[in-house]
All heavy atoms as atom14 arrays in JSON, in Angstrom:
{
  "sequence": "NLYASTEEINNTGFGRIFPAPSSNDKMETEEEDDEIPSEFISRKDLE",
  "atom14_mask": [
    [1, 1, 1, 1, 1, 1, 1, 1, 0, 0, 0, 0, 0, 0],
    [1, 1, 1, 1, 1, 1, 1, 1, 0, 0, 0, 0, 0, 0],
    [1, 1, 1, 1, 1, 1, 1, 1, 1, 1, 1, 1, 0, 0],
    [1, 1, 1, 1, 1, 0, 0, 0, 0, 0, 0, 0, 0, 0],
    [1, 1, 1, 1, 1, 1, 0, 0, 0, 0, 0, 0, 0, 0],
    [1, 1, 1, 1, 1, 1, 1, 0, 0, 0, 0, 0, 0, 0],
    [1, 1, 1, 1, 1, 1, 1, 1, 1, 0, 0, 0, 0, 0],
    [1, 1, 1, 1, 1, 1, 1, 1, 1, 0, 0, 0, 0, 0],
    [1, 1, 1, 1, 1, 1, 1, 1, 0, 0, 0, 0, 0, 0],
    [1, 1, 1, 1, 1, 1, 1, 1, 0, 0, 0, 0, 0, 0],
    [1, 1, 1, 1, 1, 1, 1, 1, 0, 0, 0, 0, 0, 0],
    [1, 1, 1, 1, 1, 1, 1, 0, 0, 0, 0, 0, 0, 0],
    [1, 1, 1, 1, 0, 0, 0, 0, 0, 0, 0, 0, 0, 0],
    [1, 1, 1, 1, 1, 1, 1, 1, 1, 1, 1, 0, 0, 0],
    [1, 1, 1, 1, 0, 0, 0, 0, 0, 0, 0, 0, 0, 0],
    [1, 1, 1, 1, 1, 1, 1, 1, 1, 1, 1, 0, 0, 0],
    [1, 1, 1, 1, 1, 1, 1, 1, 0, 0, 0, 0, 0, 0],
    [1, 1, 1, 1, 1, 1, 1, 1, 1, 1, 1, 0, 0, 0],
    [1, 1, 1, 1, 1, 1, 1, 0, 0, 0, 0, 0, 0, 0],
    [1, 1, 1, 1, 1, 0, 0, 0, 0, 0, 0, 0, 0, 0],
    [1, 1, 1, 1, 1, 1, 1, 0, 0, 0, 0, 0, 0, 0],
    [1, 1, 1, 1, 1, 1, 0, 0, 0, 0, 0, 0, 0, 0],
    [1, 1, 1, 1, 1, 1, 0, 0, 0, 0, 0, 0, 0, 0],
    [1, 1, 1, 1, 1, 1, 1, 1, 0, 0, 0, 0, 0, 0],
    [1, 1, 1, 1, 1, 1, 1, 1, 0, 0, 0, 0, 0, 0],
    [1, 1, 1, 1, 1, 1, 1, 1, 1, 0, 0, 0, 0, 0],
    [1, 1, 1, 1, 1, 1, 1, 1, 0, 0, 0, 0, 0, 0],
    [1, 1, 1, 1, 1, 1, 1, 1, 1, 0, 0, 0, 0, 0],
    [1, 1, 1, 1, 1, 1, 1, 0, 0, 0, 0, 0, 0, 0],
    [1, 1, 1, 1, 1, 1, 1, 1, 1, 0, 0, 0, 0, 0],
    [1, 1, 1, 1, 1, 1, 1, 1, 1, 0, 0, 0, 0, 0],
    [1, 1, 1, 1, 1, 1, 1, 1, 1, 0, 0, 0, 0, 0],
    [1, 1, 1, 1, 1, 1, 1, 1, 0, 0, 0, 0, 0, 0],
    [1, 1, 1, 1, 1, 1, 1, 1, 0, 0, 0, 0, 0, 0],
    [1, 1, 1, 1, 1, 1, 1, 1, 1, 0, 0, 0, 0, 0],
    [1, 1, 1, 1, 1, 1, 1, 1, 0, 0, 0, 0, 0, 0],
    [1, 1, 1, 1, 1, 1, 1, 0, 0, 0, 0, 0, 0, 0],
    [1, 1, 1, 1, 1, 1, 0, 0, 0, 0, 0, 0, 0, 0],
    [1, 1, 1, 1, 1, 1, 1, 1, 1, 0, 0, 0, 0, 0],
    [1, 1, 1, 1, 1, 1, 1, 1, 1, 1, 1, 0, 0, 0],
    [1, 1, 1, 1, 1, 1, 1, 1, 0, 0, 0, 0, 0, 0],
    [1, 1, 1, 1, 1, 1, 0, 0, 0, 0, 0, 0, 0, 0],
    [1, 1, 1, 1, 1, 1, 1, 1, 1, 1, 1, 0, 0, 0],
    [1, 1, 1, 1, 1, 1, 1, 1, 1, 0, 0, 0, 0, 0],
    [1, 1, 1, 1, 1, 1, 1, 1, 0, 0, 0, 0, 0, 0],
    [1, 1, 1, 1, 1, 1, 1, 1, 0, 0, 0, 0, 0, 0],
    [1, 1, 1, 1, 1, 1, 1, 1, 1, 0, 0, 0, 0, 0]
  ],
  "atom14_positions": [
    [[-2.17, 0.06, -52.49], [-1.77, -1.02, -51.59], [-0.45, -1.66, -52.03], [0.37, -2.02, -51.21], [-2.85, -2.11, -51.53], [-4.1, -1.62, -50.81], [-4.02, -0.65, -50.05], [-5.21, -2.24, -51.07], [0.0, 0.0, 0.0], [0.0, 0.0, 0.0], [0.0, 0.0, 0.0], [0.0, 0.0, 0.0], [0.0, 0.0, 0.0], [0.0, 0.0, 0.0]],
    [[-0.3, -1.8, -53.34], [0.92, -2.41, -53.86], [2.13, -1.59, -53.44], [3.12, -2.12, -52.98], [0.87, -2.5, -55.4], [0.1, -3.68, -55.99], [-0.02, -3.51, -57.48], [0.82, -4.98, -55.68], [0.0, 0.0, 0.0], [0.0, 0.0, 0.0], [0.0, 0.0, 0.0], [0.0, 0.0, 0.0], [0.0, 0.0, 0.0], [0.0, 0.0, 0.0]],
    [[2.0, -0.28, -53.59], [3.12, 0.61, -53.26], [3.41, 0.54, -51.76], [4.54, 0.46, -51.33], [2.76, 2.03, -53.69], [3.9, 3.0, -53.57], [5.0, 2.89, -54.42], [3.89, 4.0, -52.6], [6.04, 3.77, -54.32], [4.94, 4.89, -52.5], [6.03, 4.79, -53.37], [7.06, 5.66, -53.27], [0.0, 0.0, 0.0], [0.0, 0.0, 0.0]],
    [[2.35, 0.55, -50.98], [2.49, 0.5, -49.52], [3.14, -0.81, -49.1], [4.03, -0.84, -48.26], [1.13, 0.66, -48.86], [0.0, 0.0, 0.0], [0.0, 0.0, 0.0], [0.0, 0.0, 0.0], [0.0, 0.0, 0.0], [0.0, 0.0, 0.0], [0.0, 0.0, 0.0], [0.0, 0.0, 0.0], [0.0, 0.0, 0.0], [0.0, 0.0, 0.0]],
    [[2.68, -1.9, -49.73], [3.2, -3.21, -49.34], [4.68, -3.33, -49.68], [5.45, -3.9, -48.93], [2.41, -4.34, -50.02], [2.56, -4.25, -51.42], [0.0, 0.0, 0.0], [0.0, 0.0, 0.0], [0.0, 0.0, 0.0], [0.0, 0.0, 0.0], [0.0, 0.0, 0.0], [0.0, 0.0, 0.0], [0.0, 0.0, 0.0], [0.0, 0.0, 0.0]],
    [[5.09, -2.75, -50.82], [6.51, -2.82, -51.17], [7.33, -2.03, -50.16], [8.42, -2.43, -49.79], [6.77, -2.27, -52.6], [6.16, -0.99, -52.71], [6.24, -3.18, -53.66], [0.0, 0.0, 0.0], [0.0, 0.0, 0.0], [0.0, 0.0, 0.0], [0.0, 0.0, 0.0], [0.0, 0.0, 0.0], [0.0, 0.0, 0.0], [0.0, 0.0, 0.0]],
    [[6.77, -0.91, -49.71], [7.48, -0.12, -48.71], [7.63, -0.91, -47.41], [8.67, -0.93, -46.8], [6.69, 1.16, -48.42], [7.12, 2.32, -49.3], [6.55, 3.64, -48.81], [5.53, 3.62, -48.11], [7.15, 4.65, -49.15], [0.0, 0.0, 0.0], [0.0, 0.0, 0.0], [0.0, 0.0, 0.0], [0.0, 0.0, 0.0], [0.0, 0.0, 0.0]],
    [[6.54, -1.58, -47.03], [6.56, -2.36, -45.79], [7.59, -3.47, -45.9], [8.34, -3.73, -44.97], [5.17, -2.97, -45.52], [4.19, -1.96, -44.95], [2.76, -2.5, -44.91], [2.62, -3.73, -44.97], [1.84, -1.71, -44.81], [0.0, 0.0, 0.0], [0.0, 0.0, 0.0], [0.0, 0.0, 0.0], [0.0, 0.0, 0.0], [0.0, 0.0, 0.0]],
    [[7.6, -4.12, -47.06], [8.55, -5.22, -47.26], [9.97, -4.7, -47.14], [10.82, -5.29, -46.5], [8.33, -5.9, -48.64], [7.02, -6.69, -48.62], [9.49, -6.83, -48.99], [6.47, -7.01, -49.98], [0.0, 0.0, 0.0], [0.0, 0.0, 0.0], [0.0, 0.0, 0.0], [0.0, 0.0, 0.0], [0.0, 0.0, 0.0], [0.0, 0.0, 0.0]],
    [[10.19, -3.53, -47.78], [11.53, -2.93, -47.7], [11.9, -2.6, -46.26], [13.0, -2.86, -45.82], [11.6, -1.65, -48.54], [11.57, -1.96, -50.03], [11.88, -3.08, -50.42], [11.2, -0.99, -50.85], [0.0, 0.0, 0.0], [0.0, 0.0, 0.0], [0.0, 0.0, 0.0], [0.0, 0.0, 0.0], [0.0, 0.0, 0.0], [0.0, 0.0, 0.0]],
    [[10.93, -2.03, -45.53], [11.21, -1.65, -44.15], [11.55, -2.87, -43.3], [12.51, -2.86, -42.56], [9.99, -0.93, -43.54], [9.81, 0.46, -44.15], [10.77, 1.0, -44.7], [8.62, 1.01, -44.07], [0.0, 0.0, 0.0], [0.0, 0.0, 0.0], [0.0, 0.0, 0.0], [0.0, 0.0, 0.0], [0.0, 0.0, 0.0], [0.0, 0.0, 0.0]],
    [[10.71, -3.9, -43.45], [10.98, -5.1, -42.64], [12.28, -5.74, -43.08], [13.01, -6.27, -42.26], [9.83, -6.12, -42.76], [9.58, -6.34, -44.15], [8.58, -5.65, -42.06], [0.0, 0.0, 0.0], [0.0, 0.0, 0.0], [0.0, 0.0, 0.0], [0.0, 0.0, 0.0], [0.0, 0.0, 0.0], [0.0, 0.0, 0.0], [0.0, 0.0, 0.0]],
    [[12.56, -5.66, -44.36], [13.81, -6.22, -44.87], [15.0, -5.56, -44.21], [15.89, -6.22, -43.71], [0.0, 0.0, 0.0], [0.0, 0.0, 0.0], [0.0, 0.0, 0.0], [0.0, 0.0, 0.0], [0.0, 0.0, 0.0], [0.0, 0.0, 0.0], [0.0, 0.0, 0.0], [0.0, 0.0, 0.0], [0.0, 0.0, 0.0], [0.0, 0.0, 0.0]],
    [[14.99, -4.22, -44.19], [16.09, -3.52, -43.58], [16.13, -3.76, -42.07], [17.18, -3.84, -41.48], [16.0, -2.01, -43.86], [16.44, -1.66, -45.25], [15.55, -1.19, -46.2], [17.77, -1.83, -45.61], [15.97, -0.88, -47.48], [18.2, -1.52, -46.89], [17.3, -1.04, -47.83], [0.0, 0.0, 0.0], [0.0, 0.0, 0.0], [0.0, 0.0, 0.0]],
    [[14.93, -3.9, -41.48], [14.84, -4.14, -40.04], [15.48, -5.46, -39.67], [16.12, -5.58, -38.65], [0.0, 0.0, 0.0], [0.0, 0.0, 0.0], [0.0, 0.0, 0.0], [0.0, 0.0, 0.0], [0.0, 0.0, 0.0], [0.0, 0.0, 0.0], [0.0, 0.0, 0.0], [0.0, 0.0, 0.0], [0.0, 0.0, 0.0], [0.0, 0.0, 0.0]],
    [[15.32, -6.46, -40.54], [15.85, -7.78, -40.21], [17.36, -7.86, -40.37], [18.0, -8.66, -39.74], [15.21, -8.84, -41.13], [13.8, -9.2, -40.69], [13.17, -10.19, -41.64], [11.74, -10.3, -41.38], [10.86, -10.65, -42.28], [11.24, -10.89, -43.52], [9.58, -10.76, -41.98], [0.0, 0.0, 0.0], [0.0, 0.0, 0.0], [0.0, 0.0, 0.0]],
    [[17.89, -7.01, -41.22], [19.33, -7.08, -41.47], [20.11, -6.74, -40.2], [21.1, -7.36, -39.91], [19.74, -6.11, -42.61], [19.25, -6.68, -43.94], [21.26, -5.91, -42.65], [19.26, -5.68, -45.08], [0.0, 0.0, 0.0], [0.0, 0.0, 0.0], [0.0, 0.0, 0.0], [0.0, 0.0, 0.0], [0.0, 0.0, 0.0], [0.0, 0.0, 0.0]],
    [[19.62, -5.78, -39.41], [20.38, -5.33, -38.25], [20.4, -6.34, -37.1], [21.45, -6.62, -36.57], [19.89, -3.95, -37.78], [20.16, -2.88, -38.8], [19.14, -2.35, -39.56], [21.46, -2.45, -39.02], [19.4, -1.38, -40.51], [21.73, -1.49, -39.98], [20.7, -0.95, -40.72], [0.0, 0.0, 0.0], [0.0, 0.0, 0.0], [0.0, 0.0, 0.0]],
    [[19.23, -6.91, -36.69], [19.3, -7.85, -35.57], [20.0, -9.15, -35.9], [20.54, -9.8, -35.04], [17.83, -8.12, -35.22], [17.04, -7.62, -36.35], [17.87, -6.64, -37.11], [0.0, 0.0, 0.0], [0.0, 0.0, 0.0], [0.0, 0.0, 0.0], [0.0, 0.0, 0.0], [0.0, 0.0, 0.0], [0.0, 0.0, 0.0], [0.0, 0.0, 0.0]],
    [[20.01, -9.54, -37.18], [20.58, -10.84, -37.55], [22.02, -11.0, -37.1], [22.35, -11.97, -36.44], [20.44, -11.07, -39.04], [0.0, 0.0, 0.0], [0.0, 0.0, 0.0], [0.0, 0.0, 0.0], [0.0, 0.0, 0.0], [0.0, 0.0, 0.0], [0.0, 0.0, 0.0], [0.0, 0.0, 0.0], [0.0, 0.0, 0.0], [0.0, 0.0, 0.0]],
    [[22.93, -10.02, -37.41], [24.3, -10.23, -36.98], [24.46, -10.28, -35.47], [25.23, -11.05, -34.96], [25.06, -9.02, -37.54], [24.05, -8.13, -38.18], [22.74, -8.82, -38.19], [0.0, 0.0, 0.0], [0.0, 0.0, 0.0], [0.0, 0.0, 0.0], [0.0, 0.0, 0.0], [0.0, 0.0, 0.0], [0.0, 0.0, 0.0], [0.0, 0.0, 0.0]],
    [[23.65, -9.48, -34.74], [23.78, -9.47, -33.29], [23.39, -10.83, -32.7], [24.03, -11.32, -31.8], [22.92, -8.37, -32.66], [21.56, -8.61, -32.93], [0.0, 0.0, 0.0], [0.0, 0.0, 0.0], [0.0, 0.0, 0.0], [0.0, 0.0, 0.0], [0.0, 0.0, 0.0], [0.0, 0.0, 0.0], [0.0, 0.0, 0.0], [0.0, 0.0, 0.0]],
    [[22.35, -11.46, -33.26], [21.95, -12.77, -32.74], [23.02, -13.81, -33.07], [23.31, -14.68, -32.29], [20.6, -13.21, -33.33], [20.69, -13.34, -34.73], [0.0, 0.0, 0.0], [0.0, 0.0, 0.0], [0.0, 0.0, 0.0], [0.0, 0.0, 0.0], [0.0, 0.0, 0.0], [0.0, 0.0, 0.0], [0.0, 0.0, 0.0], [0.0, 0.0, 0.0]],
    [[23.63, -13.67, -34.25], [24.72, -14.59, -34.61], [25.9, -14.41, -33.67], [26.53, -15.38, -33.27], [25.2, -14.32, -36.05], [24.2, -14.84, -37.07], [23.36, -15.66, -36.74], [24.29, -14.35, -38.3], [0.0, 0.0, 0.0], [0.0, 0.0, 0.0], [0.0, 0.0, 0.0], [0.0, 0.0, 0.0], [0.0, 0.0, 0.0], [0.0, 0.0, 0.0]],
    [[26.18, -13.16, -33.32], [27.28, -12.9, -32.39], [27.03, -13.58, -31.05], [27.92, -14.17, -30.47], [27.43, -11.38, -32.14], [27.97, -10.68, -33.38], [28.49, -11.4, -34.26], [27.87, -9.45, -33.47], [0.0, 0.0, 0.0], [0.0, 0.0, 0.0], [0.0, 0.0, 0.0], [0.0, 0.0, 0.0], [0.0, 0.0, 0.0], [0.0, 0.0, 0.0]],
    [[25.76, -13.5, -30.6], [25.42, -14.13, -29.32], [25.65, -15.63, -29.39], [26.19, -16.24, -28.51], [23.95, -13.85, -28.97], [23.72, -12.48, -28.39], [22.26, -12.27, -28.07], [21.98, -10.84, -27.66], [20.56, -10.59, -27.5], [0.0, 0.0, 0.0], [0.0, 0.0, 0.0], [0.0, 0.0, 0.0], [0.0, 0.0, 0.0], [0.0, 0.0, 0.0]],
    [[25.19, -16.22, -30.51], [25.34, -17.67, -30.66], [26.82, -18.05, -30.68], [27.23, -19.03, -30.09], [24.68, -18.14, -31.96], [23.16, -18.23, -31.85], [22.39, -18.46, -33.44], [22.91, -20.14, -33.79], [0.0, 0.0, 0.0], [0.0, 0.0, 0.0], [0.0, 0.0, 0.0], [0.0, 0.0, 0.0], [0.0, 0.0, 0.0], [0.0, 0.0, 0.0]],
    [[27.63, -17.24, -31.36], [29.05, -17.53, -31.45], [29.71, -17.44, -30.08], [30.51, -18.28, -29.73], [29.73, -16.56, -32.42], [29.51, -16.95, -33.87], [29.96, -15.88, -34.86], [30.69, -14.95, -34.44], [29.56, -15.96, -36.02], [0.0, 0.0, 0.0], [0.0, 0.0, 0.0], [0.0, 0.0, 0.0], [0.0, 0.0, 0.0], [0.0, 0.0, 0.0]],
    [[29.33, -16.43, -29.31], [29.94, -16.28, -27.99], [29.53, -17.43, -27.08], [30.33, -17.93, -26.31], [29.56, -14.94, -27.32], [28.14, -14.8, -27.36], [30.2, -13.77, -28.03], [0.0, 0.0, 0.0], [0.0, 0.0, 0.0], [0.0, 0.0, 0.0], [0.0, 0.0, 0.0], [0.0, 0.0, 0.0], [0.0, 0.0, 0.0], [0.0, 0.0, 0.0]],
    [[28.28, -17.86, -27.2], [27.83, -18.99, -26.38], [28.62, -20.24, -26.75], [29.03, -21.01, -25.9], [26.33, -19.25, -26.6], [25.46, -18.32, -25.77], [23.98, -18.51, -26.05], [23.63, -19.55, -26.62], [23.2, -17.62, -25.72], [0.0, 0.0, 0.0], [0.0, 0.0, 0.0], [0.0, 0.0, 0.0], [0.0, 0.0, 0.0], [0.0, 0.0, 0.0]],
    [[28.81, -20.45, -28.05], [29.55, -21.62, -28.49], [31.01, -21.53, -28.06], [31.61, -22.53, -27.71], [29.46, -21.77, -30.01], [28.12, -22.37, -30.45], [27.97, -22.44, -31.95], [28.95, -22.23, -32.67], [26.85, -22.73, -32.39], [0.0, 0.0, 0.0], [0.0, 0.0, 0.0], [0.0, 0.0, 0.0], [0.0, 0.0, 0.0], [0.0, 0.0, 0.0]],
    [[31.56, -20.31, -28.07], [32.94, -20.15, -27.63], [33.06, -20.47, -26.14], [34.02, -21.09, -25.72], [33.41, -18.72, -27.89], [33.79, -18.5, -29.35], [33.99, -17.03, -29.69], [34.05, -16.2, -28.75], [34.07, -16.72, -30.87], [0.0, 0.0, 0.0], [0.0, 0.0, 0.0], [0.0, 0.0, 0.0], [0.0, 0.0, 0.0], [0.0, 0.0, 0.0]],
    [[32.07, -20.06, -25.36], [32.08, -20.35, -23.93], [31.97, -21.85, -23.69], [32.68, -22.42, -22.88], [30.91, -19.64, -23.22], [31.11, -18.13, -23.22], [32.25, -17.68, -23.44], [30.13, -17.43, -23.0], [0.0, 0.0, 0.0], [0.0, 0.0, 0.0], [0.0, 0.0, 0.0], [0.0, 0.0, 0.0], [0.0, 0.0, 0.0], [0.0, 0.0, 0.0]],
    [[31.07, -22.44, -24.4], [30.81, -23.87, -24.23], [31.85, -24.72, -24.95], [32.23, -25.78, -24.49], [29.42, -24.22, -24.78], [28.41, -24.34, -23.65], [28.77, -24.19, -22.48], [27.26, -24.63, -23.96], [0.0, 0.0, 0.0], [0.0, 0.0, 0.0], [0.0, 0.0, 0.0], [0.0, 0.0, 0.0], [0.0, 0.0, 0.0], [0.0, 0.0, 0.0]],
    [[32.28, -24.24, -26.11], [33.24, -24.95, -26.95], [32.75, -26.35, -27.3], [33.52, -27.31, -27.32], [34.6, -25.02, -26.25], [35.26, -23.67, -26.09], [36.57, -23.73, -25.34], [36.9, -24.8, -24.81], [37.25, -22.72, -25.28], [0.0, 0.0, 0.0], [0.0, 0.0, 0.0], [0.0, 0.0, 0.0], [0.0, 0.0, 0.0], [0.0, 0.0, 0.0]],
    [[31.48, -26.49, -27.55], [30.94, -27.8, -27.91], [29.93, -27.66, -29.03], [29.24, -26.66, -29.12], [30.25, -28.51, -26.71], [29.2, -27.57, -26.08], [31.24, -28.98, -25.7], [28.05, -28.29, -25.49], [0.0, 0.0, 0.0], [0.0, 0.0, 0.0], [0.0, 0.0, 0.0], [0.0, 0.0, 0.0], [0.0, 0.0, 0.0], [0.0, 0.0, 0.0]],
    [[29.82, -28.68, -29.87], [28.77, -28.65, -30.89], [27.4, -28.96, -30.28], [27.31, -29.46, -29.17], [29.19, -29.76, -31.86], [30.09, -30.66, -31.08], [30.71, -29.82, -30.0], [0.0, 0.0, 0.0], [0.0, 0.0, 0.0], [0.0, 0.0, 0.0], [0.0, 0.0, 0.0], [0.0, 0.0, 0.0], [0.0, 0.0, 0.0], [0.0, 0.0, 0.0]],
    [[26.35, -28.68, -31.01], [24.99, -28.81, -30.48], [24.55, -30.26, -30.29], [23.53, -30.52, -29.68], [24.01, -28.1, -31.43], [24.12, -28.66, -32.72], [0.0, 0.0, 0.0], [0.0, 0.0, 0.0], [0.0, 0.0, 0.0], [0.0, 0.0, 0.0], [0.0, 0.0, 0.0], [0.0, 0.0, 0.0], [0.0, 0.0, 0.0], [0.0, 0.0, 0.0]],
    [[25.32, -31.23, -30.82], [24.91, -32.63, -30.67], [25.12, -33.15, -29.25], [24.71, -34.26, -28.93], [25.68, -33.51, -31.68], [27.16, -33.61, -31.41], [27.97, -33.89, -32.68], [28.03, -33.02, -33.54], [28.5, -35.0, -32.77], [0.0, 0.0, 0.0], [0.0, 0.0, 0.0], [0.0, 0.0, 0.0], [0.0, 0.0, 0.0], [0.0, 0.0, 0.0]],
    [[25.79, -32.35, -28.4], [25.99, -32.73, -27.01], [25.22, -31.78, -26.09], [24.83, -30.7, -26.51], [27.48, -32.73, -26.65], [28.28, -33.66, -27.52], [29.2, -33.16, -28.42], [28.08, -35.03, -27.46], [29.92, -34.01, -29.24], [28.79, -35.89, -28.28], [29.72, -35.38, -29.17], [0.0, 0.0, 0.0], [0.0, 0.0, 0.0], [0.0, 0.0, 0.0]],
    [[25.08, -32.21, -24.87], [24.3, -31.42, -23.91], [24.97, -30.07, -23.66], [26.2, -29.96, -23.69], [24.14, -32.21, -22.57], [23.03, -31.57, -21.71], [25.46, -32.3, -21.82], [22.58, -32.45, -20.58], [0.0, 0.0, 0.0], [0.0, 0.0, 0.0], [0.0, 0.0, 0.0], [0.0, 0.0, 0.0], [0.0, 0.0, 0.0], [0.0, 0.0, 0.0]],
    [[24.17, -29.04, -23.45], [24.72, -27.71, -23.18], [24.97, -27.56, -21.68], [24.4, -28.28, -20.86], [23.76, -26.63, -23.65], [22.61, -26.62, -22.83], [0.0, 0.0, 0.0], [0.0, 0.0, 0.0], [0.0, 0.0, 0.0], [0.0, 0.0, 0.0], [0.0, 0.0, 0.0], [0.0, 0.0, 0.0], [0.0, 0.0, 0.0], [0.0, 0.0, 0.0]],
    [[25.81, -26.6, -21.34], [26.12, -26.37, -19.92], [24.87, -25.92, -19.17], [24.66, -26.28, -18.02], [27.22, -25.31, -19.82], [27.83, -25.22, -18.42], [29.04, -24.33, -18.41], [28.73, -23.02, -18.95], [29.58, -22.3, -19.67], [30.76, -22.77, -19.96], [29.25, -21.1, -20.12], [0.0, 0.0, 0.0], [0.0, 0.0, 0.0], [0.0, 0.0, 0.0]],
    [[24.02, -25.15, -19.86], [22.77, -24.67, -19.23], [21.88, -25.85, -18.84], [21.31, -25.87, -17.75], [22.02, -23.76, -20.2], [22.62, -22.37, -20.31], [21.84, -21.53, -21.3], [22.51, -20.17, -21.51], [21.83, -19.39, -22.55], [0.0, 0.0, 0.0], [0.0, 0.0, 0.0], [0.0, 0.0, 0.0], [0.0, 0.0, 0.0], [0.0, 0.0, 0.0]],
    [[21.75, -26.82, -19.76], [20.9, -27.99, -19.47], [21.49, -28.82, -18.34], [20.76, -29.38, -17.51], [20.73, -28.86, -20.72], [19.77, -28.22, -21.73], [18.97, -27.36, -21.3], [19.82, -28.58, -22.92], [0.0, 0.0, 0.0], [0.0, 0.0, 0.0], [0.0, 0.0, 0.0], [0.0, 0.0, 0.0], [0.0, 0.0, 0.0], [0.0, 0.0, 0.0]],
    [[22.81, -28.91, -18.31], [23.46, -29.65, -17.22], [23.15, -28.99, -15.88], [22.79, -29.66, -14.92], [24.98, -29.66, -17.42], [25.58, -30.88, -18.14], [27.08, -30.68, -18.33], [25.33, -32.17, -17.41], [0.0, 0.0, 0.0], [0.0, 0.0, 0.0], [0.0, 0.0, 0.0], [0.0, 0.0, 0.0], [0.0, 0.0, 0.0], [0.0, 0.0, 0.0]],
    [[23.29, -27.67, -15.84], [23.04, -26.94, -14.6], [21.57, -27.0, -14.19], [21.25, -27.12, -13.01], [23.47, -25.47, -14.76], [24.97, -25.3, -14.81], [25.39, -23.89, -15.18], [24.5, -23.04, -15.38], [26.6, -23.64, -15.26], [0.0, 0.0, 0.0], [0.0, 0.0, 0.0], [0.0, 0.0, 0.0], [0.0, 0.0, 0.0], [0.0, 0.0, 0.0]]
  ]
}
């Protein structure tokens, strides 16, 4: 079980590395579109 669990941890670890940058990219593009910090209302909420 120990060996299996370490493998699983490694797999999930590598799995998480790939989506993380893409989600950051999305957030950055949204912020670039909005050009506002989160302390103010978003364009989506206004609409």
